[in-house]
Amino acid sequence: MSDYLVAMEAAWLVRDVEGVDDAIGVAVSEAGKRLNQKDLEYVEVDVGATPCPACGEPFDSVFVAADTALVGLVLEIKVFNVEGQEHAQRVAKKEVGGALRDVPLKVIETIEFEADSDE
């Protein structure tokens, strides 16, 4: 059995925002609230990065139009004692997807790690 860190991208829609910073704050707060309601406070929530098409430098994954924003969030969860990478991805999507119903999720990275004795 192995342990994995699974990172997923989520598309979060935020209405009535005043700008990028407002959209980021609302999206991270709403996602964290929904995860905490399902006792998933161990899921890390952050804003994703999108590379600039011109220079390649990363910038926050946020698009705002007509006071509505689409925020790309990155959700990371550690999955323990699974049979392999695909099993870890299925477990992660089931856990997080259950709390964030109707939010599109896509696995973007899966890394095997050795668990510390404290975890």
PDB file of N, CA and C in Angstrom:
ATOM      1  N   MET A   1       0.843  -1.180   0.000  1.00  0.00           N
ATOM      2  CA  MET A   1       0.000   0.000   0.000  1.00  0.00           C
ATOM      3  C   MET A   1       0.887   1.241   0.000  1.00  0.00           C
ATOM      4  N   SER A   2       0.426   2.257  -0.705  1.00  0.00           N
ATOM      5  CA  SER A   2       1.217   3.476  -0.873  1.00  0.00           C
ATOM      6  C   SER A   2       0.419   4.704  -0.451  1.00  0.00           C
ATOM      7  N   ASP A   3       1.136   5.811  -0.281  1.00  0.00           N
ATOM      8  CA  ASP A   3       0.546   7.098   0.077  1.00  0.00           C
ATOM      9  C   ASP A   3       0.849   8.098  -1.035  1.00  0.00           C
ATOM     10  N   TYR A   4      -0.142   8.947  -1.346  1.00  0.00           N
ATOM     11  CA  TYR A   4       0.005   9.896  -2.451  1.00  0.00           C
ATOM     12  C   TYR A   4      -0.516  11.273  -2.064  1.00  0.00           C
ATOM     13  N   LEU A   5       0.077  12.280  -2.667  1.00  0.00           N
ATOM     14  CA  LEU A   5      -0.461  13.634  -2.630  1.00  0.00           C
ATOM     15  C   LEU A   5      -1.114  13.860  -3.986  1.00  0.00           C
ATOM     16  N   VAL A   6      -2.409  14.163  -3.975  1.00  0.00           N
ATOM     17  CA  VAL A   6      -3.155  14.357  -5.215  1.00  0.00           C
ATOM     18  C   VAL A   6      -3.559  15.832  -5.300  1.00  0.00           C
ATOM     19  N   ALA A   7      -3.182  16.470  -6.418  1.00  0.00           N
ATOM     20  CA  ALA A   7      -3.555  17.864  -6.665  1.00  0.00           C
ATOM     21  C   ALA A   7      -4.610  17.887  -7.760  1.00  0.00           C
ATOM     22  N   MET A   8      -5.674  18.637  -7.493  1.00  0.00           N
ATOM     23  CA  MET A   8      -6.767  18.758  -8.453  1.00  0.00           C
ATOM     24  C   MET A   8      -7.038  20.224  -8.740  1.00  0.00           C
ATOM     25  N   GLU A   9      -7.488  20.475  -9.960  1.00  0.00           N
ATOM     26  CA  GLU A   9      -7.889  21.811 -10.358  1.00  0.00           C
ATOM     27  C   GLU A   9      -9.408  21.867 -10.302  1.00  0.00           C
ATOM     28  N   ALA A  10      -9.934  22.966  -9.761  1.00  0.00           N
ATOM     29  CA  ALA A  10     -11.383  23.159  -9.676  1.00  0.00           C
ATOM     30  C   ALA A  10     -11.747  24.480 -10.331  1.00  0.00           C
ATOM     31  N   ALA A  11     -12.853  24.484 -11.064  1.00  0.00           N
ATOM     32  CA  ALA A  11     -13.362  25.709 -11.684  1.00  0.00           C
ATOM     33  C   ALA A  11     -14.465  26.263 -10.785  1.00  0.00           C
ATOM     34  N   TRP A  12     -14.203  27.424 -10.162  1.00  0.00           N
ATOM     35  CA  TRP A  12     -15.135  27.997  -9.188  1.00  0.00           C
ATOM     36  C   TRP A  12     -15.734  29.281  -9.742  1.00  0.00           C
ATOM     37  N   LEU A  13     -17.047  29.351  -9.806  1.00  0.00           N
ATOM     38  CA  LEU A  13     -17.759  30.517 -10.320  1.00  0.00           C
ATOM     39  C   LEU A  13     -18.151  31.421  -9.155  1.00  0.00           C
ATOM     40  N   VAL A  14     -17.839  32.720  -9.275  1.00  0.00           N
ATOM     41  CA  VAL A  14     -18.167  33.697  -8.233  1.00  0.00           C
ATOM     42  C   VAL A  14     -18.916  34.847  -8.886  1.00  0.00           C
ATOM     43  N   ARG A  15     -20.078  35.174  -8.337  1.00  0.00           N
ATOM     44  CA  ARG A  15     -20.899  36.258  -8.895  1.00  0.00           C
ATOM     45  C   ARG A  15     -20.765  37.524  -8.045  1.00  0.00           C
ATOM     46  N   ASP A  16     -21.069  38.652  -8.665  1.00  0.00           N
ATOM     47  CA  ASP A  16     -21.071  39.960  -7.998  1.00  0.00           C
ATOM     48  C   ASP A  16     -19.735  40.292  -7.334  1.00  0.00           C
ATOM     49  N   VAL A  17     -18.659  40.222  -8.109  1.00  0.00           N
ATOM     50  CA  VAL A  17     -17.337  40.562  -7.583  1.00  0.00           C
ATOM     51  C   VAL A  17     -16.892  41.909  -8.125  1.00  0.00           C
ATOM     52  N   GLU A  18     -16.030  42.567  -7.380  1.00  0.00           N
ATOM     53  CA  GLU A  18     -15.539  43.879  -7.786  1.00  0.00           C
ATOM     54  C   GLU A  18     -14.203  43.804  -8.514  1.00  0.00           C
ATOM     55  N   GLY A  19     -13.528  42.684  -8.417  1.00  0.00           N
ATOM     56  CA  GLY A  19     -12.235  42.556  -9.075  1.00  0.00           C
ATOM     57  C   GLY A  19     -11.602  41.212  -8.802  1.00  0.00           C
ATOM     58  N   VAL A  20     -10.365  41.071  -9.241  1.00  0.00           N
ATOM     59  CA  VAL A  20      -9.646  39.797  -9.122  1.00  0.00           C
ATOM     60  C   VAL A  20      -9.430  39.401  -7.664  1.00  0.00           C
ATOM     61  N   ASP A  21      -8.949  40.336  -6.838  1.00  0.00           N
ATOM     62  CA  ASP A  21      -8.677  40.005  -5.440  1.00  0.00           C
ATOM     63  C   ASP A  21      -9.951  39.597  -4.702  1.00  0.00           C
ATOM     64  N   ASP A  22     -11.038  40.291  -4.979  1.00  0.00           N
ATOM     65  CA  ASP A  22     -12.334  39.958  -4.381  1.00  0.00           C
ATOM     66  C   ASP A  22     -12.756  38.547  -4.798  1.00  0.00           C
ATOM     67  N   ALA A  23     -12.610  38.233  -6.080  1.00  0.00           N
ATOM     68  CA  ALA A  23     -12.988  36.913  -6.597  1.00  0.00           C
ATOM     69  C   ALA A  23     -12.169  35.807  -5.941  1.00  0.00           C
ATOM     70  N   ILE A  24     -10.861  36.032  -5.802  1.00  0.00           N
ATOM     71  CA  ILE A  24      -9.991  35.035  -5.165  1.00  0.00           C
ATOM     72  C   ILE A  24     -10.412  34.804  -3.724  1.00  0.00           C
ATOM     73  N   GLY A  25     -10.623  35.881  -2.986  1.00  0.00           N
ATOM     74  CA  GLY A  25     -11.016  35.754  -1.578  1.00  0.00           C
ATOM     75  C   GLY A  25     -12.313  34.999  -1.406  1.00  0.00           C
ATOM     76  N   VAL A  26     -13.302  35.327  -2.219  1.00  0.00           N
ATOM     77  CA  VAL A  26     -14.608  34.666  -2.123  1.00  0.00           C
ATOM     78  C   VAL A  26     -14.492  33.188  -2.502  1.00  0.00           C
ATOM     79  N   ALA A  27     -13.785  32.887  -3.592  1.00  0.00           N
ATOM     80  CA  ALA A  27     -13.670  31.503  -4.058  1.00  0.00           C
ATOM     81  C   ALA A  27     -12.965  30.622  -3.025  1.00  0.00           C
ATOM     82  N   VAL A  28     -11.841  31.086  -2.491  1.00  0.00           N
ATOM     83  CA  VAL A  28     -11.094  30.299  -1.501  1.00  0.00           C
ATOM     84  C   VAL A  28     -11.934  30.127  -0.230  1.00  0.00           C
ATOM     85  N   SER A  29     -12.601  31.193   0.186  1.00  0.00           N
ATOM     86  CA  SER A  29     -13.436  31.134   1.383  1.00  0.00           C
ATOM     87  C   SER A  29     -14.616  30.164   1.216  1.00  0.00           C
ATOM     88  N   GLU A  30     -15.322  30.257   0.087  1.00  0.00           N
ATOM     89  CA  GLU A  30     -16.466  29.369  -0.150  1.00  0.00           C
ATOM     90  C   GLU A  30     -16.033  27.909  -0.252  1.00  0.00           C
ATOM     91  N   ALA A  31     -14.937  27.652  -0.947  1.00  0.00           N
ATOM     92  CA  ALA A  31     -14.455  26.274  -1.077  1.00  0.00           C
ATOM     93  C   ALA A  31     -14.050  25.727   0.284  1.00  0.00           C
ATOM     94  N   GLY A  32     -13.319  26.524   1.057  1.00  0.00           N
ATOM     95  CA  GLY A  32     -12.911  26.090   2.393  1.00  0.00           C
ATOM     96  C   GLY A  32     -14.092  25.810   3.303  1.00  0.00           C
ATOM     97  N   LYS A  33     -15.106  26.651   3.223  1.00  0.00           N
ATOM     98  CA  LYS A  33     -16.310  26.473   4.038  1.00  0.00           C
ATOM     99  C   LYS A  33     -17.019  25.158   3.702  1.00  0.00           C
ATOM    100  N   ARG A  34     -17.177  24.878   2.399  1.00  0.00           N
ATOM    101  CA  ARG A  34     -17.855  23.642   1.992  1.00  0.00           C
ATOM    102  C   ARG A  34     -17.043  22.410   2.363  1.00  0.00           C
ATOM    103  N   LEU A  35     -15.722  22.489   2.261  1.00  0.00           N
ATOM    104  CA  LEU A  35     -14.870  21.357   2.653  1.00  0.00           C
ATOM    105  C   LEU A  35     -14.932  21.137   4.162  1.00  0.00           C
ATOM    106  N   ASN A  36     -14.907  22.216   4.941  1.00  0.00           N
ATOM    107  CA  ASN A  36     -14.960  22.096   6.398  1.00  0.00           C
ATOM    108  C   ASN A  36     -16.290  21.527   6.884  1.00  0.00           C
ATOM    109  N   GLN A  37     -17.381  21.820   6.169  1.00  0.00           N
ATOM    110  CA  GLN A  37     -18.687  21.278   6.546  1.00  0.00           C
ATOM    111  C   GLN A  37     -18.702  19.752   6.443  1.00  0.00           C
ATOM    112  N   LYS A  38     -17.853  19.199   5.575  1.00  0.00           N
ATOM    113  CA  LYS A  38     -17.771  17.741   5.392  1.00  0.00           C
ATOM    114  C   LYS A  38     -16.549  17.165   6.106  1.00  0.00           C
ATOM    115  N   ASP A  39     -16.004  17.914   7.073  1.00  0.00           N
ATOM    116  CA  ASP A  39     -14.830  17.481   7.850  1.00  0.00           C
ATOM    117  C   ASP A  39     -13.624  17.189   6.969  1.00  0.00           C
ATOM    118  N   LEU A  40     -13.422  17.997   5.940  1.00  0.00           N
ATOM    119  CA  LEU A  40     -12.272  17.855   5.045  1.00  0.00           C
ATOM    120  C   LEU A  40     -11.334  19.056   5.196  1.00  0.00           C
ATOM    121  N   GLU A  41     -11.131  19.500   6.446  1.00  0.00           N
ATOM    122  CA  GLU A  41     -10.273  20.664   6.674  1.00  0.00           C
ATOM    123  C   GLU A  41      -8.810  20.400   6.328  1.00  0.00           C
ATOM    124  N   TYR A  42      -8.459  19.148   6.095  1.00  0.00           N
ATOM    125  CA  TYR A  42      -7.093  18.786   5.723  1.00  0.00           C
ATOM    126  C   TYR A  42      -6.816  18.980   4.227  1.00  0.00           C
ATOM    127  N   VAL A  43      -7.811  19.372   3.455  1.00  0.00           N
ATOM    128  CA  VAL A  43      -7.612  19.662   2.024  1.00  0.00           C
ATOM    129  C   VAL A  43      -7.071  21.084   1.895  1.00  0.00           C
ATOM    130  N   GLU A  44      -5.934  21.223   1.236  1.00  0.00           N
ATOM    131  CA  GLU A  44      -5.329  22.538   1.013  1.00  0.00           C
ATOM    132  C   GLU A  44      -6.008  23.203  -0.187  1.00  0.00           C
ATOM    133  N   VAL A  45      -6.400  24.469  -0.026  1.00  0.00           N
ATOM    134  CA  VAL A  45      -7.061  25.223  -1.092  1.00  0.00           C
ATOM    135  C   VAL A  45      -6.201  26.431  -1.433  1.00  0.00           C
ATOM    136  N   ASP A  46      -5.913  26.610  -2.707  1.00  0.00           N
ATOM    137  CA  ASP A  46      -5.124  27.758  -3.158  1.00  0.00           C
ATOM    138  C   ASP A  46      -5.573  28.147  -4.563  1.00  0.00           C
ATOM    139  N   VAL A  47      -5.139  29.314  -5.012  1.00  0.00           N
ATOM    140  CA  VAL A  47      -5.458  29.771  -6.357  1.00  0.00           C
ATOM    141  C   VAL A  47      -4.453  29.162  -7.323  1.00  0.00           C
ATOM    142  N   GLY A  48      -4.945  28.696  -8.455  1.00  0.00           N
ATOM    143  CA  GLY A  48      -4.081  28.113  -9.462  1.00  0.00           C
ATOM    144  C   GLY A  48      -3.314  29.190 -10.219  1.00  0.00           C
ATOM    145  N   ALA A  49      -2.368  28.754 -11.023  1.00  0.00           N
ATOM    146  CA  ALA A  49      -1.577  29.664 -11.845  1.00  0.00           C
ATOM    147  C   ALA A  49      -1.726  29.267 -13.306  1.00  0.00           C
ATOM    148  N   THR A  50      -1.819  30.276 -14.156  1.00  0.00           N
ATOM    149  CA  THR A  50      -1.929  30.074 -15.597  1.00  0.00           C
ATOM    150  C   THR A  50      -0.743  30.781 -16.252  1.00  0.00           C
ATOM    151  N   PRO A  51      -0.052  30.095 -17.164  1.00  0.00           N
ATOM    152  CA  PRO A  51       1.079  30.777 -17.818  1.00  0.00           C
ATOM    153  C   PRO A  51       0.600  31.821 -18.832  1.00  0.00           C
ATOM    154  N   CYS A  52       1.275  32.942 -18.857  1.00  0.00           N
ATOM    155  CA  CYS A  52       0.983  34.001 -19.828  1.00  0.00           C
ATOM    156  C   CYS A  52       1.311  33.479 -21.221  1.00  0.00           C
ATOM    157  N   PRO A  53       0.388  33.617 -22.183  1.00  0.00           N
ATOM    158  CA  PRO A  53       0.658  33.114 -23.531  1.00  0.00           C
ATOM    159  C   PRO A  53       1.811  33.849 -24.224  1.00  0.00           C
ATOM    160  N   ALA A  54       2.081  35.085 -23.826  1.00  0.00           N
ATOM    161  CA  ALA A  54       3.131  35.862 -24.474  1.00  0.00           C
ATOM    162  C   ALA A  54       4.510  35.600 -23.875  1.00  0.00           C
ATOM    163  N   CYS A  55       4.613  35.677 -22.533  1.00  0.00           N
ATOM    164  CA  CYS A  55       5.927  35.582 -21.897  1.00  0.00           C
ATOM    165  C   CYS A  55       6.148  34.288 -21.117  1.00  0.00           C
ATOM    166  N   GLY A  56       5.074  33.560 -20.823  1.00  0.00           N
ATOM    167  CA  GLY A  56       5.200  32.308 -20.092  1.00  0.00           C
ATOM    168  C   GLY A  56       5.207  32.455 -18.579  1.00  0.00           C
ATOM    169  N   GLU A  57       5.230  33.685 -18.065  1.00  0.00           N
ATOM    170  CA  GLU A  57       5.212  33.905 -16.619  1.00  0.00           C
ATOM    171  C   GLU A  57       3.836  33.532 -16.053  1.00  0.00           C
ATOM    172  N   PRO A  58       3.794  32.902 -14.883  1.00  0.00           N
ATOM    173  CA  PRO A  58       2.497  32.516 -14.308  1.00  0.00           C
ATOM    174  C   PRO A  58       1.762  33.715 -13.691  1.00  0.00           C
ATOM    175  N   PHE A  59       0.433  33.684 -13.793  1.00  0.00           N
ATOM    176  CA  PHE A  59      -0.412  34.658 -13.112  1.00  0.00           C
ATOM    177  C   PHE A  59      -1.617  33.924 -12.553  1.00  0.00           C
ATOM    178  N   ASP A  60      -2.328  34.559 -11.605  1.00  0.00           N
ATOM    179  CA  ASP A  60      -3.477  33.920 -10.958  1.00  0.00           C
ATOM    180  C   ASP A  60      -4.519  33.506 -11.985  1.00  0.00           C
ATOM    181  N   SER A  61      -5.071  32.308 -11.804  1.00  0.00           N
ATOM    182  CA  SER A  61      -6.086  31.775 -12.718  1.00  0.00           C
ATOM    183  C   SER A  61      -7.454  32.365 -12.393  1.00  0.00           C
ATOM    184  N   VAL A  62      -7.657  33.596 -12.816  1.00  0.00           N
ATOM    185  CA  VAL A  62      -8.915  34.293 -12.561  1.00  0.00           C
ATOM    186  C   VAL A  62      -9.292  35.068 -13.819  1.00  0.00           C
ATOM    187  N   PHE A  63     -10.557  34.937 -14.208  1.00  0.00           N
ATOM    188  CA  PHE A  63     -11.091  35.715 -15.318  1.00  0.00           C
ATOM    189  C   PHE A  63     -12.362  36.393 -14.829  1.00  0.00           C
ATOM    190  N   VAL A  64     -12.410  37.715 -14.949  1.00  0.00           N
ATOM    191  CA  VAL A  64     -13.576  38.477 -14.495  1.00  0.00           C
ATOM    192  C   VAL A  64     -14.208  39.175 -15.690  1.00  0.00           C
ATOM    193  N   ALA A  65     -15.518  38.987 -15.834  1.00  0.00           N
ATOM    194  CA  ALA A  65     -16.296  39.686 -16.857  1.00  0.00           C
ATOM    195  C   ALA A  65     -17.707  39.885 -16.319  1.00  0.00           C
ATOM    196  N   ALA A  66     -18.235  41.087 -16.509  1.00  0.00           N
ATOM    197  CA  ALA A  66     -19.602  41.417 -16.088  1.00  0.00           C
ATOM    198  C   ALA A  66     -19.825  41.082 -14.612  1.00  0.00           C
ATOM    199  N   ASP A  67     -18.872  41.460 -13.763  1.00  0.00           N
ATOM    200  CA  ASP A  67     -18.944  41.233 -12.308  1.00  0.00           C
ATOM    201  C   ASP A  67     -19.082  39.763 -11.922  1.00  0.00           C
ATOM    202  N   THR A  68     -18.682  38.872 -12.809  1.00  0.00           N
ATOM    203  CA  THR A  68     -18.702  37.435 -12.547  1.00  0.00           C
ATOM    204  C   THR A  68     -17.306  36.903 -12.834  1.00  0.00           C
ATOM    205  N   ALA A  69     -16.824  36.014 -11.956  1.00  0.00           N
ATOM    206  CA  ALA A  69     -15.456  35.513 -12.111  1.00  0.00           C
ATOM    207  C   ALA A  69     -15.442  33.986 -12.180  1.00  0.00           C
ATOM    208  N   LEU A  70     -14.506  33.496 -12.968  1.00  0.00           N
ATOM    209  CA  LEU A  70     -14.181  32.084 -12.986  1.00  0.00           C
ATOM    210  C   LEU A  70     -12.787  31.985 -12.369  1.00  0.00           C
ATOM    211  N   VAL A  71     -12.706  31.292 -11.227  1.00  0.00           N
ATOM    212  CA  VAL A  71     -11.451  31.183 -10.490  1.00  0.00           C
ATOM    213  C   VAL A  71     -10.975  29.739 -10.552  1.00  0.00           C
ATOM    214  N   GLY A  72      -9.746  29.558 -10.971  1.00  0.00           N
ATOM    215  CA  GLY A  72      -9.143  28.236 -10.989  1.00  0.00           C
ATOM    216  C   GLY A  72      -8.482  27.969  -9.656  1.00  0.00           C
ATOM    217  N   LEU A  73      -9.027  27.032  -8.892  1.00  0.00           N
ATOM    218  CA  LEU A  73      -8.464  26.676  -7.587  1.00  0.00           C
ATOM    219  C   LEU A  73      -7.653  25.393  -7.704  1.00  0.00           C
ATOM    220  N   VAL A  74      -6.646  25.267  -6.858  1.00  0.00           N
ATOM    221  CA  VAL A  74      -5.887  24.032  -6.742  1.00  0.00           C
ATOM    222  C   VAL A  74      -6.192  23.452  -5.366  1.00  0.00           C
ATOM    223  N   LEU A  75      -6.633  22.206  -5.353  1.00  0.00           N
ATOM    224  CA  LEU A  75      -6.973  21.499  -4.118  1.00  0.00           C
ATOM    225  C   LEU A  75      -6.006  20.332  -3.959  1.00  0.00           C
ATOM    226  N   GLU A  76      -5.345  20.254  -2.816  1.00  0.00           N
ATOM    227  CA  GLU A  76      -4.395  19.170  -2.568  1.00  0.00           C
ATOM    228  C   GLU A  76      -4.863  18.344  -1.378  1.00  0.00           C
ATOM    229  N   ILE A  77      -4.806  17.032  -1.533  1.00  0.00           N
ATOM    230  CA  ILE A  77      -5.218  16.112  -0.487  1.00  0.00           C
ATOM    231  C   ILE A  77      -4.234  14.952  -0.439  1.00  0.00           C
ATOM    232  N   LYS A  78      -3.890  14.546   0.778  1.00  0.00           N
ATOM    233  CA  LYS A  78      -3.042  13.367   0.953  1.00  0.00           C
ATOM    234  C   LYS A  78      -3.948  12.154   1.104  1.00  0.00           C
ATOM    235  N   VAL A  79      -3.621  11.107   0.356  1.00  0.00           N
ATOM    236  CA  VAL A  79      -4.407   9.875   0.373  1.00  0.00           C
ATOM    237  C   VAL A  79      -3.475   8.756   0.850  1.00  0.00           C
ATOM    238  N   PHE A  80      -3.901   8.033   1.876  1.00  0.00           N
ATOM    239  CA  PHE A  80      -3.056   7.022   2.507  1.00  0.00           C
ATOM    240  C   PHE A  80      -3.559   5.603   2.220  1.00  0.00           C
ATOM    241  N   ASN A  81      -2.613   4.676   2.166  1.00  0.00           N
ATOM    242  CA  ASN A  81      -2.900   3.241   2.059  1.00  0.00           C
ATOM    243  C   ASN A  81      -3.781   2.885   0.864  1.00  0.00           C
ATOM    244  N   VAL A  82      -3.360   3.304  -0.310  1.00  0.00           N
ATOM    245  CA  VAL A  82      -4.088   2.965  -1.532  1.00  0.00           C
ATOM    246  C   VAL A  82      -3.229   2.047  -2.393  1.00  0.00           C
ATOM    247  N   GLU A  83      -3.876   1.395  -3.350  1.00  0.00           N
ATOM    248  CA  GLU A  83      -3.207   0.376  -4.162  1.00  0.00           C
ATOM    249  C   GLU A  83      -2.299   0.948  -5.243  1.00  0.00           C
ATOM    250  N   GLY A  84      -2.506   2.199  -5.625  1.00  0.00           N
ATOM    251  CA  GLY A  84      -1.674   2.788  -6.662  1.00  0.00           C
ATOM    252  C   GLY A  84      -2.130   4.188  -6.994  1.00  0.00           C
ATOM    253  N   GLN A  85      -1.501   4.768  -8.015  1.00  0.00           N
ATOM    254  CA  GLN A  85      -1.769   6.143  -8.407  1.00  0.00           C
ATOM    255  C   GLN A  85      -3.222   6.353  -8.824  1.00  0.00           C
ATOM    256  N   GLU A  86      -3.754   5.475  -9.672  1.00  0.00           N
ATOM    257  CA  GLU A  86      -5.146   5.630 -10.122  1.00  0.00           C
ATOM    258  C   GLU A  86      -6.131   5.493  -8.964  1.00  0.00           C
ATOM    259  N   HIS A  87      -5.851   4.574  -8.052  1.00  0.00           N
ATOM    260  CA  HIS A  87      -6.715   4.404  -6.889  1.00  0.00           C
ATOM    261  C   HIS A  87      -6.694   5.670  -6.031  1.00  0.00           C
ATOM    262  N   ALA A  88      -5.511   6.269  -5.851  1.00  0.00           N
ATOM    263  CA  ALA A  88      -5.384   7.507  -5.082  1.00  0.00           C
ATOM    264  C   ALA A  88      -6.203   8.627  -5.729  1.00  0.00           C
ATOM    265  N   GLN A  89      -6.150   8.723  -7.044  1.00  0.00           N
ATOM    266  CA  GLN A  89      -6.908   9.751  -7.755  1.00  0.00           C
ATOM    267  C   GLN A  89      -8.415   9.553  -7.589  1.00  0.00           C
ATOM    268  N   ARG A  90      -8.869   8.314  -7.673  1.00  0.00           N
ATOM    269  CA  ARG A  90     -10.306   8.036  -7.498  1.00  0.00           C
ATOM    270  C   ARG A  90     -10.763   8.386  -6.083  1.00  0.00           C
ATOM    271  N   VAL A  91      -9.955   8.022  -5.089  1.00  0.00           N
ATOM    272  CA  VAL A  91     -10.302   8.322  -3.692  1.00  0.00           C
ATOM    273  C   VAL A  91     -10.357   9.837  -3.483  1.00  0.00           C
ATOM    274  N   ALA A  92      -9.358  10.549  -3.993  1.00  0.00           N
ATOM    275  CA  ALA A  92      -9.297  12.003  -3.825  1.00  0.00           C
ATOM    276  C   ALA A  92     -10.503  12.683  -4.477  1.00  0.00           C
ATOM    277  N   LYS A  93     -10.823  12.285  -5.713  1.00  0.00           N
ATOM    278  CA  LYS A  93     -11.965  12.884  -6.405  1.00  0.00           C
ATOM    279  C   LYS A  93     -13.274  12.584  -5.689  1.00  0.00           C
ATOM    280  N   LYS A  94     -13.395  11.381  -5.134  1.00  0.00           N
ATOM    281  CA  LYS A  94     -14.621  11.026  -4.419  1.00  0.00           C
ATOM    282  C   LYS A  94     -14.763  11.847  -3.141  1.00  0.00           C
ATOM    283  N   GLU A  95     -13.673  11.968  -2.382  1.00  0.00           N
ATOM    284  CA  GLU A  95     -13.711  12.729  -1.131  1.00  0.00           C
ATOM    285  C   GLU A  95     -14.027  14.209  -1.383  1.00  0.00           C
ATOM    286  N   VAL A  96     -13.242  14.834  -2.240  1.00  0.00           N
ATOM    287  CA  VAL A  96     -13.403  16.265  -2.496  1.00  0.00           C
ATOM    288  C   VAL A  96     -14.676  16.528  -3.300  1.00  0.00           C
ATOM    289  N   GLY A  97     -14.950  15.692  -4.292  1.00  0.00           N
ATOM    290  CA  GLY A  97     -16.142  15.865  -5.114  1.00  0.00           C
ATOM    291  C   GLY A  97     -17.429  15.749  -4.326  1.00  0.00           C
ATOM    292  N   GLY A  98     -17.415  14.937  -3.260  1.00  0.00           N
ATOM    293  CA  GLY A  98     -18.603  14.808  -2.422  1.00  0.00           C
ATOM    294  C   GLY A  98     -18.931  16.102  -1.689  1.00  0.00           C
ATOM    295  N   ALA A  99     -17.906  16.865  -1.330  1.00  0.00           N
ATOM    296  CA  ALA A  99     -18.114  18.133  -0.631  1.00  0.00           C
ATOM    297  C   ALA A  99     -18.380  19.273  -1.605  1.00  0.00           C
ATOM    298  N   LEU A 100     -17.793  19.185  -2.792  1.00  0.00           N
ATOM    299  CA  LEU A 100     -17.922  20.267  -3.768  1.00  0.00           C
ATOM    300  C   LEU A 100     -18.764  19.832  -4.962  1.00  0.00           C
ATOM    301  N   ARG A 101     -19.983  19.443  -4.673  1.00  0.00           N
ATOM    302  CA  ARG A 101     -20.892  19.003  -5.731  1.00  0.00           C
ATOM    303  C   ARG A 101     -21.052  20.103  -6.776  1.00  0.00           C
ATOM    304  N   ASP A 102     -21.207  19.714  -8.029  1.00  0.00           N
ATOM    305  CA  ASP A 102     -21.398  20.633  -9.157  1.00  0.00           C
ATOM    306  C   ASP A 102     -20.191  21.526  -9.432  1.00  0.00           C
ATOM    307  N   VAL A 103     -19.019  21.169  -8.894  1.00  0.00           N
ATOM    308  CA  VAL A 103     -17.786  21.909  -9.188  1.00  0.00           C
ATOM    309  C   VAL A 103     -16.906  20.989 -10.030  1.00  0.00           C
ATOM    310  N   PRO A 104     -16.569  21.403 -11.247  1.00  0.00           N
ATOM    311  CA  PRO A 104     -15.716  20.557 -12.088  1.00  0.00           C
ATOM    312  C   PRO A 104     -14.330  20.357 -11.455  1.00  0.00           C
ATOM    313  N   LEU A 105     -13.876  19.115 -11.399  1.00  0.00           N
ATOM    314  CA  LEU A 105     -12.563  18.770 -10.844  1.00  0.00           C
ATOM    315  C   LEU A 105     -11.748  18.015 -11.878  1.00  0.00           C
ATOM    316  N   LYS A 106     -10.458  18.280 -11.904  1.00  0.00           N
ATOM    317  CA  LYS A 106      -9.554  17.573 -12.796  1.00  0.00           C
ATOM    318  C   LYS A 106      -8.250  17.317 -12.040  1.00  0.00           C
ATOM    319  N   VAL A 107      -7.797  16.066 -12.023  1.00  0.00           N
ATOM    320  CA  VAL A 107      -6.524  15.743 -11.389  1.00  0.00           C
ATOM    321  C   VAL A 107      -5.407  16.308 -12.261  1.00  0.00           C
ATOM    322  N   ILE A 108      -4.505  17.086 -11.636  1.00  0.00           N
ATOM    323  CA  ILE A 108      -3.409  17.683 -12.400  1.00  0.00           C
ATOM    324  C   ILE A 108      -2.048  17.111 -12.012  1.00  0.00           C
ATOM    325  N   GLU A 109      -1.964  16.498 -10.824  1.00  0.00           N
ATOM    326  CA  GLU A 109      -0.687  15.917 -10.406  1.00  0.00           C
ATOM    327  C   GLU A 109      -0.917  14.913  -9.283  1.00  0.00           C
ATOM    328  N   THR A 110      -0.144  13.828  -9.315  1.00  0.00           N
ATOM    329  CA  THR A 110      -0.202  12.813  -8.267  1.00  0.00           C
ATOM    330  C   THR A 110       1.232  12.421  -7.942  1.00  0.00           C
ATOM    331  N   ILE A 111       1.603  12.580  -6.668  1.00  0.00           N
ATOM    332  CA  ILE A 111       2.973  12.314  -6.237  1.00  0.00           C
ATOM    333  C   ILE A 111       2.962  11.309  -5.098  1.00  0.00           C
ATOM    334  N   GLU A 112       3.741  10.247  -5.245  1.00  0.00           N
ATOM    335  CA  GLU A 112       3.878   9.268  -4.159  1.00  0.00           C
ATOM    336  C   GLU A 112       4.831   9.826  -3.116  1.00  0.00           C
ATOM    337  N   PHE A 113       4.512   9.593  -1.833  1.00  0.00           N
ATOM    338  CA  PHE A 113       5.388  10.026  -0.752  1.00  0.00           C
ATOM    339  C   PHE A 113       5.390   8.987   0.349  1.00  0.00           C
ATOM    340  N   GLU A 114       6.365   9.091   1.233  1.00  0.00           N
ATOM    341  CA  GLU A 114       6.418   8.204   2.389  1.00  0.00           C
ATOM    342  C   GLU A 114       5.843   8.941   3.568  1.00  0.00           C
ATOM    343  N   ALA A 115       4.854   8.352   4.213  1.00  0.00           N
ATOM    344  CA  ALA A 115       4.175   8.995   5.335  1.00  0.00           C
ATOM    345  C   ALA A 115       5.092   9.061   6.547  1.00  0.00           C
ATOM    346  N   ASP A 116       5.002  10.190   7.257  1.00  0.00           N
ATOM    347  CA  ASP A 116       5.715  10.312   8.519  1.00  0.00           C
ATOM    348  C   ASP A 116       5.018   9.476   9.563  1.00  0.00           C
ATOM    349  N   SER A 117       5.695   9.148  10.611  1.00  0.00           N
ATOM    350  CA  SER A 117       5.076   8.330  11.654  1.00  0.00           C
ATOM    351  C   SER A 117       4.014   9.099  12.421  1.00  0.00           C
ATOM    352  N   ASP A 118       4.012  10.463  12.348  1.00  0.00           N
ATOM    353  CA  ASP A 118       3.004  11.252  13.073  1.00  0.00           C
ATOM    354  C   ASP A 118       1.675  11.298  12.348  1.00  0.00           C
ATOM    355  N   GLU A 119       1.625  11.018  11.043  1.00  0.00           N
ATOM    356  CA  GLU A 119       0.384  11.197  10.272  1.00  0.00           C
ATOM    357  C   GLU A 119      -0.519  10.000  10.368  1.00  0.00           C
TER     358      GLU A 119
END
